[in-house]
Amino acid sequence: MALSLPKDKIRFLLLEGVHDNALKVLNAAGYNNIEYLTHALDQDELIEKIKDAHFVGIRSRTQLTREVLEQAEKLVAVGCFCIGTNQVDLDAARELGIPVFNAPYSNTRSVAELVLAEAIMLYRGIPEKSAVVHRGGWGKSAKNSHEVRGKTMGIVGYGSIGSQLSVLAESLGMKVIYHDVVTKLPLGNATQVGSLEELLQTADVVTLHVPDLPSTRYMMKAEQFAQMKEGSYFINAARGTCVEIDDLAAALESGKLLGAAVDVFPKEPKSADQEFESPLRKFDNVILTPHIGGSTQEAQANIGLEVAEKFVKYSDAGDTVTAVNFPEVSIPVKEGSHRLLHIHRNVPGVLSQINSSFAKAGINILAQSLMTEGNVGYLVMDVDNRNSQEALETLKDIDETIRVRVLY
């Protein structure tokens, strides 16, 4: 019987200095064939490295395009050790039978804390005052310096980060309103408003917490900044593509906004050696941070655990629960069985064809679960260990097969 590769033959490629908790989880599960790099790779290097990798772990800089993925013949799964997955061509990965995992909740507290701290700093005018002192000045004044207590925070996107920020802001005495495309149960005394325009017209400080979708791209332009209150503040720690930066700069230049804090940008340097360019650099009243909303030791430690554990569950049992681009399947391990994973094109009749072929061959199925997403179906099947080799060959002969694996 040709079983799955021994664990010491399964190769992991971890890039961009993911937290060493990932190494600990993989090692504890018996995976030691790991190449660990602290930096991202350019496309040519990446293609060369990924050819022999079964699992690849990345953060936000590495770009896994269709071209790269198509040359990764052995690739089994991708792990994004972060929240976002827009650096991966998710459709291409799914079509090639590659699930993509991420860590959607592990750094929510870190982002929420940063945004709250930035709101306080902006209301006190700290960025500008700090810049003046650094240049030898002494602008000791209470002008435009306020407490956040009693102010209204407008949260755009009431998901895991937005809702946690809501609770923290209320604990400081802020009033919280939020806008989301779906009705969300408020935490504490927060209030959902009916439109983005209403939120912008009401909030003293507006903060974005939305995903990168066609509907959110450049959702904040000149029109939206014009709707904001005179002398209000704007924070973006969501996605760089959500904001038209030139329009934000114009709103700051005119004095419409008294300040802003931006952590994500439409175009970001690929390395620390590349200069960051933005029209926002000239403003002393703007906090600029290099995409570090979730970059705390606590968040990175949690992310390392979460994504590595998903790697282990998929490698050991074929578990794809929480995969962002793939059918979600999870079934308990059965004693005395062999588990096969069948990834196939999602067309009618595949399961019927498999079961008919197994019945004709006298192959005993002990457990079976099939889910589909888009153009791909994912079948996890346990068969009697006396029939496993024949089952494997039968699955390979199915015309719609993308890939088939035997785990044990």
Protein backbone atom coordinates (compact mmCIF):
# COMPACT_ATOMS: atom_id res chain seq x y z
CA MET A 1 0.00 0.00 0.00
CA ALA A 2 1.38 3.41 -1.02
CA LEU A 3 0.67 5.47 2.05
CA SER A 4 1.10 9.20 2.57
CA LEU A 5 4.67 10.40 2.74
CA PRO A 6 6.42 9.78 6.04
CA LYS A 7 6.37 12.94 8.13
CA ASP A 8 10.10 13.49 7.73
CA LYS A 9 9.59 13.66 3.97
CA ILE A 10 6.83 16.28 4.13
CA ARG A 11 8.55 19.62 3.50
CA PHE A 12 7.44 22.92 5.02
CA LEU A 13 8.62 26.29 3.72
CA LEU A 14 8.02 29.11 6.22
CA LEU A 15 8.75 32.65 5.03
CA GLU A 16 8.84 36.18 6.46
CA GLY A 17 9.88 35.17 9.96
CA VAL A 18 6.63 33.67 11.20
CA HIS A 19 6.58 33.22 14.97
CA ASP A 20 8.59 30.26 16.23
CA ASN A 21 5.42 28.88 17.85
CA ALA A 22 4.71 27.52 14.39
CA LEU A 23 7.93 25.51 14.53
CA LYS A 24 7.06 24.20 17.99
CA VAL A 25 3.61 23.01 16.87
CA LEU A 26 4.97 21.32 13.74
CA ASN A 27 7.87 19.69 15.60
CA ALA A 28 5.56 18.41 18.33
CA ALA A 29 3.39 16.80 15.65
CA GLY A 30 6.42 15.04 14.14
CA TYR A 31 7.20 17.43 11.28
CA ASN A 32 10.86 18.42 11.19
CA ASN A 33 11.62 18.94 7.50
CA ILE A 34 11.21 22.70 7.73
CA GLU A 35 12.99 25.52 5.88
CA TYR A 36 12.59 28.73 7.86
CA LEU A 37 13.39 32.12 6.30
CA THR A 38 13.04 35.53 7.91
CA HIS A 39 12.29 37.39 4.68
CA ALA A 40 10.05 37.30 1.62
CA LEU A 41 11.29 36.01 -1.72
CA ASP A 42 11.02 37.61 -5.13
CA GLN A 43 9.04 35.66 -7.69
CA ASP A 44 11.94 33.77 -9.28
CA GLU A 45 13.34 32.68 -5.90
CA LEU A 46 9.88 31.79 -4.68
CA ILE A 47 9.14 29.61 -7.70
CA GLU A 48 12.42 27.77 -7.19
CA LYS A 49 11.86 27.23 -3.46
CA ILE A 50 8.21 26.27 -3.69
CA LYS A 51 8.73 23.50 -6.25
CA ASP A 52 9.57 20.93 -3.60
CA ALA A 53 7.39 22.27 -0.77
CA HIS A 54 4.26 20.51 0.45
CA PHE A 55 3.21 23.30 2.83
CA VAL A 56 4.04 27.00 2.52
CA GLY A 57 3.61 29.55 5.30
CA ILE A 58 3.69 33.28 4.48
CA ARG A 59 2.73 36.66 5.89
CA SER A 60 1.64 39.72 3.88
CA ARG A 61 4.60 40.38 1.55
CA THR A 62 4.83 37.10 -0.33
CA GLN A 63 2.68 37.02 -3.47
CA LEU A 64 1.35 33.59 -4.40
CA THR A 65 0.05 34.28 -7.90
CA ARG A 66 -1.46 31.74 -10.26
CA GLU A 67 1.88 31.56 -12.07
CA VAL A 68 3.70 30.68 -8.85
CA LEU A 69 1.07 28.19 -7.68
CA GLU A 70 0.96 26.37 -11.02
CA GLN A 71 4.66 25.58 -10.68
CA ALA A 72 4.29 24.27 -7.13
CA GLU A 73 3.55 20.72 -8.17
CA LYS A 74 3.83 19.21 -4.68
CA LEU A 75 2.04 21.96 -2.79
CA VAL A 76 -0.66 20.63 -0.47
CA ALA A 77 -1.71 23.73 1.49
CA VAL A 78 -0.91 27.40 2.08
CA GLY A 79 -0.96 29.12 5.47
CA CYS A 80 -1.25 32.91 5.75
CA PHE A 81 0.15 33.78 9.17
CA CYS A 82 -2.01 36.91 9.31
CA ILE A 83 -5.63 37.94 8.83
CA GLY A 84 -5.59 38.87 5.14
CA THR A 85 -5.34 36.44 2.24
CA ASN A 86 -5.38 38.88 -0.67
CA GLN A 87 -1.69 38.09 -1.32
CA VAL A 88 -2.81 34.65 -2.56
CA ASP A 89 -4.76 33.91 -5.74
CA LEU A 90 -7.48 32.01 -3.88
CA ASP A 91 -9.34 30.89 -7.00
CA ALA A 92 -6.19 29.49 -8.57
CA ALA A 93 -5.30 27.70 -5.33
CA ARG A 94 -8.75 26.11 -5.09
CA GLU A 95 -8.71 25.01 -8.74
CA LEU A 96 -5.34 23.35 -8.11
CA GLY A 97 -6.66 21.58 -5.03
CA ILE A 98 -4.78 23.74 -2.51
CA PRO A 99 -6.66 24.94 0.59
CA VAL A 100 -5.56 28.24 2.12
CA PHE A 101 -5.68 28.83 5.87
CA ASN A 102 -5.31 32.04 7.85
CA ALA A 103 -5.69 33.40 11.38
CA PRO A 104 -8.75 35.65 11.31
CA TYR A 105 -9.04 36.22 15.07
CA SER A 106 -5.62 35.91 16.69
CA ASN A 107 -4.61 39.57 16.38
CA THR A 108 -7.95 41.30 16.84
CA ARG A 109 -7.01 42.63 20.26
CA SER A 110 -3.74 44.07 18.95
CA VAL A 111 -5.48 46.01 16.18
CA ALA A 112 -8.23 47.24 18.50
CA GLU A 113 -5.69 48.50 21.05
CA LEU A 114 -3.68 50.33 18.39
CA VAL A 115 -6.77 52.09 17.01
CA LEU A 116 -7.94 53.14 20.46
CA ALA A 117 -4.47 54.46 21.31
CA GLU A 118 -4.36 56.39 18.03
CA ALA A 119 -7.76 57.94 18.73
CA ILE A 120 -6.50 59.18 22.10
CA MET A 121 -3.26 60.48 20.59
CA LEU A 122 -5.11 62.31 17.82
CA TYR A 123 -7.54 63.95 20.22
CA ARG A 124 -4.63 65.24 22.31
CA GLY A 125 -2.77 66.44 19.21
CA ILE A 126 0.21 64.34 20.24
CA PRO A 127 1.60 63.59 16.74
CA GLU A 128 1.95 67.27 15.88
CA LYS A 129 3.16 68.30 19.35
CA SER A 130 5.75 65.53 19.32
CA ALA A 131 7.02 66.60 15.90
CA VAL A 132 7.39 70.21 17.08
CA VAL A 133 9.36 69.19 20.18
CA HIS A 134 11.61 66.95 18.08
CA ARG A 135 12.46 70.03 16.04
CA GLY A 136 13.29 72.03 19.17
CA GLY A 137 9.96 73.80 19.59
CA TRP A 138 7.77 73.97 22.69
CA GLY A 139 4.12 74.18 21.65
CA LYS A 140 2.61 73.95 25.13
CA SER A 141 -1.08 74.62 24.48
CA ALA A 142 -4.47 73.02 25.04
CA LYS A 143 -5.78 74.15 21.65
CA ASN A 144 -7.50 71.27 19.83
CA SER A 145 -6.57 69.00 22.73
CA HIS A 146 -9.48 66.98 24.12
CA GLU A 147 -10.38 63.91 26.13
CA VAL A 148 -12.07 61.10 24.21
CA ARG A 149 -14.69 60.72 26.92
CA GLY A 150 -18.05 61.78 25.54
CA LYS A 151 -16.90 61.73 21.91
CA THR A 152 -18.55 59.54 19.28
CA MET A 153 -16.53 56.80 17.60
CA GLY A 154 -17.90 55.61 14.26
CA ILE A 155 -16.83 52.06 13.42
CA VAL A 156 -17.22 50.97 9.79
CA GLY A 157 -17.37 47.18 9.83
CA TYR A 158 -18.57 45.52 13.04
CA GLY A 159 -16.70 42.24 12.81
CA SER A 160 -14.24 40.67 15.25
CA ILE A 161 -12.02 43.77 15.42
CA GLY A 162 -14.71 46.41 15.18
CA SER A 163 -16.84 44.86 17.91
CA GLN A 164 -13.88 44.45 20.27
CA LEU A 165 -12.84 48.04 19.66
CA SER A 166 -16.42 49.02 20.46
CA VAL A 167 -16.17 47.54 23.94
CA LEU A 168 -12.79 49.15 24.64
CA ALA A 169 -13.98 52.57 23.45
CA GLU A 170 -17.10 52.42 25.60
CA SER A 171 -14.99 51.59 28.64
CA LEU A 172 -13.34 55.01 28.20
CA GLY A 173 -16.70 56.75 28.08
CA MET A 174 -17.01 57.10 24.32
CA LYS A 175 -20.31 56.76 22.51
CA VAL A 176 -20.08 54.13 19.77
CA ILE A 177 -22.01 53.93 16.53
CA TYR A 178 -21.29 51.46 13.76
CA HIS A 179 -22.23 50.65 10.19
CA ASP A 180 -22.16 47.18 8.66
CA VAL A 181 -23.66 45.72 5.49
CA VAL A 182 -25.57 43.20 7.61
CA THR A 183 -27.49 43.67 10.84
CA LYS A 184 -25.20 42.92 13.78
CA LEU A 185 -26.13 42.53 17.43
CA PRO A 186 -24.41 45.40 19.28
CA LEU A 187 -22.11 44.87 22.24
CA GLY A 188 -22.66 47.13 25.21
CA ASN A 189 -24.47 50.33 24.28
CA ALA A 190 -23.23 50.60 20.71
CA THR A 191 -25.80 51.58 18.09
CA GLN A 192 -25.97 50.43 14.48
CA VAL A 193 -26.79 53.19 12.00
CA GLY A 194 -28.50 52.70 8.68
CA SER A 195 -25.91 54.07 6.29
CA LEU A 196 -22.26 55.01 5.93
CA GLU A 197 -23.32 58.60 5.26
CA GLU A 198 -25.17 58.79 8.57
CA LEU A 199 -22.12 57.47 10.41
CA LEU A 200 -19.77 59.92 8.71
CA GLN A 201 -22.01 62.87 9.52
CA THR A 202 -22.34 61.87 13.18
CA ALA A 203 -18.97 60.48 14.33
CA ASP A 204 -16.15 62.54 15.81
CA VAL A 205 -13.64 59.87 14.81
CA VAL A 206 -14.18 57.35 12.01
CA THR A 207 -12.29 54.05 11.89
CA LEU A 208 -12.39 51.40 9.14
CA HIS A 209 -12.53 47.65 9.86
CA VAL A 210 -13.68 46.09 6.60
CA PRO A 211 -12.29 43.33 4.36
CA ASP A 212 -10.81 43.84 0.91
CA LEU A 213 -13.81 43.42 -1.39
CA PRO A 214 -14.90 45.12 -4.61
CA SER A 215 -17.54 46.94 -2.55
CA THR A 216 -14.96 48.33 -0.09
CA ARG A 217 -12.28 49.42 -2.55
CA TYR A 218 -11.88 53.17 -2.35
CA MET A 219 -15.03 53.41 -0.28
CA MET A 220 -13.53 56.56 1.30
CA LYS A 221 -13.07 59.21 -1.38
CA ALA A 222 -13.56 62.97 -1.60
CA GLU A 223 -17.34 62.58 -1.37
CA GLN A 224 -17.13 60.62 1.87
CA PHE A 225 -14.54 62.89 3.48
CA ALA A 226 -16.80 65.84 2.65
CA GLN A 227 -19.58 64.15 4.62
CA MET A 228 -17.48 63.92 7.79
CA LYS A 229 -17.84 66.44 10.60
CA GLU A 230 -15.65 69.52 10.52
CA GLY A 231 -12.61 68.94 12.73
CA SER A 232 -13.07 65.18 12.99
CA TYR A 233 -10.47 62.42 12.74
CA PHE A 234 -9.99 59.41 10.46
CA ILE A 235 -8.27 56.07 11.14
CA ASN A 236 -7.59 53.21 8.73
CA ALA A 237 -6.11 49.96 10.02
CA ALA A 238 -8.14 47.78 7.64
CA ARG A 239 -6.99 47.66 4.01
CA GLY A 240 -4.97 50.18 2.03
CA THR A 241 -7.28 49.84 -0.95
CA CYS A 242 -10.23 51.19 1.03
CA VAL A 243 -9.05 54.80 0.91
CA GLU A 244 -8.20 57.22 -1.87
CA ILE A 245 -5.05 58.60 -0.28
CA ASP A 246 -4.91 61.79 -2.36
CA ASP A 247 -8.45 62.65 -1.26
CA LEU A 248 -7.53 62.03 2.37
CA ALA A 249 -4.52 64.31 1.95
CA ALA A 250 -6.79 67.00 0.48
CA ALA A 251 -9.17 66.74 3.45
CA LEU A 252 -6.23 67.19 5.82
CA GLU A 253 -4.78 70.06 3.79
CA SER A 254 -8.06 71.95 3.87
CA GLY A 255 -8.46 71.52 7.63
CA LYS A 256 -11.66 69.52 7.22
CA LEU A 257 -9.97 66.79 9.22
CA LEU A 258 -7.82 67.68 12.23
CA GLY A 259 -5.78 64.52 11.95
CA ALA A 260 -5.57 60.92 10.80
CA ALA A 261 -3.86 57.64 11.54
CA VAL A 262 -3.07 55.21 8.71
CA ASP A 263 -1.50 51.77 9.07
CA VAL A 264 -2.23 50.31 5.61
CA PHE A 265 -1.61 51.76 2.17
CA PRO A 266 -2.55 51.05 -1.47
CA LYS A 267 1.14 50.57 -2.27
CA GLU A 268 3.55 49.40 0.41
CA PRO A 269 7.32 48.81 0.28
CA LYS A 270 8.32 45.21 -0.32
CA SER A 271 11.19 45.45 2.15
CA ALA A 272 12.61 47.71 4.84
CA ASP A 273 15.25 48.87 2.34
CA GLN A 274 12.67 50.41 0.00
CA GLU A 275 11.54 53.98 0.65
CA PHE A 276 7.93 54.50 1.67
CA GLU A 277 6.23 57.09 -0.50
CA SER A 278 2.96 58.81 0.33
CA PRO A 279 1.43 62.31 0.17
CA LEU A 280 0.63 61.88 3.87
CA ARG A 281 4.28 62.10 4.91
CA LYS A 282 4.22 65.88 4.99
CA PHE A 283 1.54 66.13 7.69
CA ASP A 284 2.68 66.36 11.32
CA ASN A 285 -0.88 65.66 12.47
CA VAL A 286 -0.97 62.22 10.82
CA ILE A 287 0.22 59.01 12.49
CA LEU A 288 1.82 56.73 9.90
CA THR A 289 2.68 53.16 10.85
CA PRO A 290 4.15 50.41 8.62
CA HIS A 291 1.26 47.91 8.57
CA ILE A 292 1.78 46.83 12.18
CA GLY A 293 -1.81 46.72 13.44
CA GLY A 294 -1.50 43.05 14.34
CA SER A 295 2.25 43.05 14.92
CA THR A 296 2.55 42.44 18.62
CA GLN A 297 4.42 39.57 20.19
CA GLU A 298 1.18 38.25 21.65
CA ALA A 299 -0.64 38.36 18.30
CA GLN A 300 2.20 36.78 16.36
CA ALA A 301 2.52 34.03 18.97
CA ASN A 302 -1.19 33.27 18.70
CA ILE A 303 -1.08 33.35 14.90
CA GLY A 304 1.88 30.96 14.87
CA LEU A 305 -0.11 28.48 16.95
CA GLU A 306 -3.36 28.86 15.05
CA VAL A 307 -2.10 28.43 11.49
CA ALA A 308 0.40 25.70 12.31
CA GLU A 309 -2.33 23.72 14.07
CA LYS A 310 -4.47 24.00 10.94
CA PHE A 311 -1.54 22.66 8.90
CA VAL A 312 -1.25 19.68 11.23
CA LYS A 313 -4.98 18.92 11.16
CA TYR A 314 -5.03 19.00 7.38
CA SER A 315 -1.86 16.94 6.99
CA ASP A 316 -2.86 14.39 9.63
CA ALA A 317 -6.60 14.07 9.01
CA GLY A 318 -7.59 16.06 5.90
CA ASP A 319 -9.46 18.61 8.05
CA THR A 320 -10.22 21.79 6.06
CA VAL A 321 -12.50 23.57 8.54
CA THR A 322 -11.86 27.37 8.38
CA ALA A 323 -10.10 27.18 4.99
CA VAL A 324 -10.90 30.45 3.22
CA ASN A 325 -11.11 29.10 -0.34
CA PHE A 326 -12.01 25.46 0.00
CA PRO A 327 -14.88 23.12 0.94
CA GLU A 328 -14.88 22.56 4.70
CA VAL A 329 -14.79 18.90 5.72
CA SER A 330 -13.93 17.22 9.02
CA ILE A 331 -14.70 13.64 10.06
CA PRO A 332 -13.45 11.64 13.06
CA VAL A 333 -10.63 9.14 12.60
CA LYS A 334 -11.81 5.51 12.46
CA GLU A 335 -9.72 2.60 13.69
CA GLY A 336 -8.90 -0.08 11.15
CA SER A 337 -9.36 2.22 8.17
CA HIS A 338 -7.33 4.09 5.61
CA ARG A 339 -8.25 7.68 4.78
CA LEU A 340 -8.28 9.00 1.24
CA LEU A 341 -8.70 12.61 0.16
CA HIS A 342 -10.21 13.20 -3.27
CA ILE A 343 -10.23 16.71 -4.74
CA HIS A 344 -12.17 16.93 -7.98
CA ARG A 345 -13.95 19.24 -10.38
CA ASN A 346 -17.43 19.98 -9.11
CA VAL A 347 -19.68 18.46 -11.75
CA PRO A 348 -22.79 16.32 -11.27
CA GLY A 349 -22.34 12.60 -10.73
CA VAL A 350 -18.82 12.38 -9.32
CA LEU A 351 -19.87 10.90 -5.97
CA SER A 352 -22.25 8.50 -7.67
CA GLN A 353 -19.47 7.40 -10.01
CA ILE A 354 -17.09 6.82 -7.10
CA ASN A 355 -19.61 4.86 -5.04
CA SER A 356 -20.66 2.73 -8.02
CA SER A 357 -17.02 1.92 -8.80
CA PHE A 358 -16.35 1.04 -5.16
CA ALA A 359 -19.45 -1.17 -5.01
CA LYS A 360 -18.42 -3.07 -8.12
CA ALA A 361 -14.95 -3.62 -6.68
CA GLY A 362 -16.32 -4.72 -3.32
CA ILE A 363 -14.60 -1.85 -1.48
CA ASN A 364 -16.08 -1.26 1.96
CA ILE A 365 -16.65 2.44 2.80
CA LEU A 366 -16.51 3.12 6.54
CA ALA A 367 -17.06 6.90 6.45
CA GLN A 368 -17.56 9.53 3.78
CA SER A 369 -18.06 13.29 3.64
CA LEU A 370 -18.30 15.48 0.55
CA MET A 371 -18.54 19.27 0.35
CA THR A 372 -18.25 21.57 -2.64
CA GLU A 373 -17.26 25.18 -3.16
CA GLY A 374 -17.34 26.87 -6.52
CA ASN A 375 -15.84 24.61 -9.13
CA VAL A 376 -14.19 22.18 -6.69
CA GLY A 377 -15.46 19.24 -4.65
CA TYR A 378 -13.63 17.73 -1.68
CA LEU A 379 -14.33 14.18 -0.58
CA VAL A 380 -12.86 12.64 2.58
CA MET A 381 -13.34 8.89 2.69
CA ASP A 382 -12.36 6.12 5.09
CA VAL A 383 -12.21 2.61 3.64
CA ASP A 384 -11.43 -0.78 5.10
CA ASN A 385 -7.64 -1.07 5.20
CA ARG A 386 -7.86 -4.29 3.15
CA ASN A 387 -9.27 -2.28 0.22
CA SER A 388 -7.16 0.87 0.37
CA GLN A 389 -4.81 0.25 -2.57
CA GLU A 390 -7.67 -0.64 -4.87
CA ALA A 391 -9.64 2.39 -3.64
CA LEU A 392 -6.72 4.67 -4.42
CA GLU A 393 -6.43 3.38 -7.98
CA THR A 394 -10.19 3.69 -8.46
CA LEU A 395 -10.15 7.35 -7.39
CA LYS A 396 -7.23 8.12 -9.69
CA ASP A 397 -9.26 6.79 -12.63
CA ILE A 398 -12.12 9.25 -12.05
CA ASP A 399 -11.95 11.72 -14.96
CA GLU A 400 -12.75 14.77 -12.81
CA THR A 401 -9.93 14.09 -10.34
CA ILE A 402 -7.68 17.06 -9.57
CA ARG A 403 -5.60 15.25 -6.99
CA VAL A 404 -5.94 12.34 -4.61
CA ARG A 405 -3.97 11.69 -1.41
CA VAL A 406 -3.73 8.81 1.01
CA LEU A 407 -3.14 9.90 4.59
CA TYR A 408 -2.88 6.58 6.42
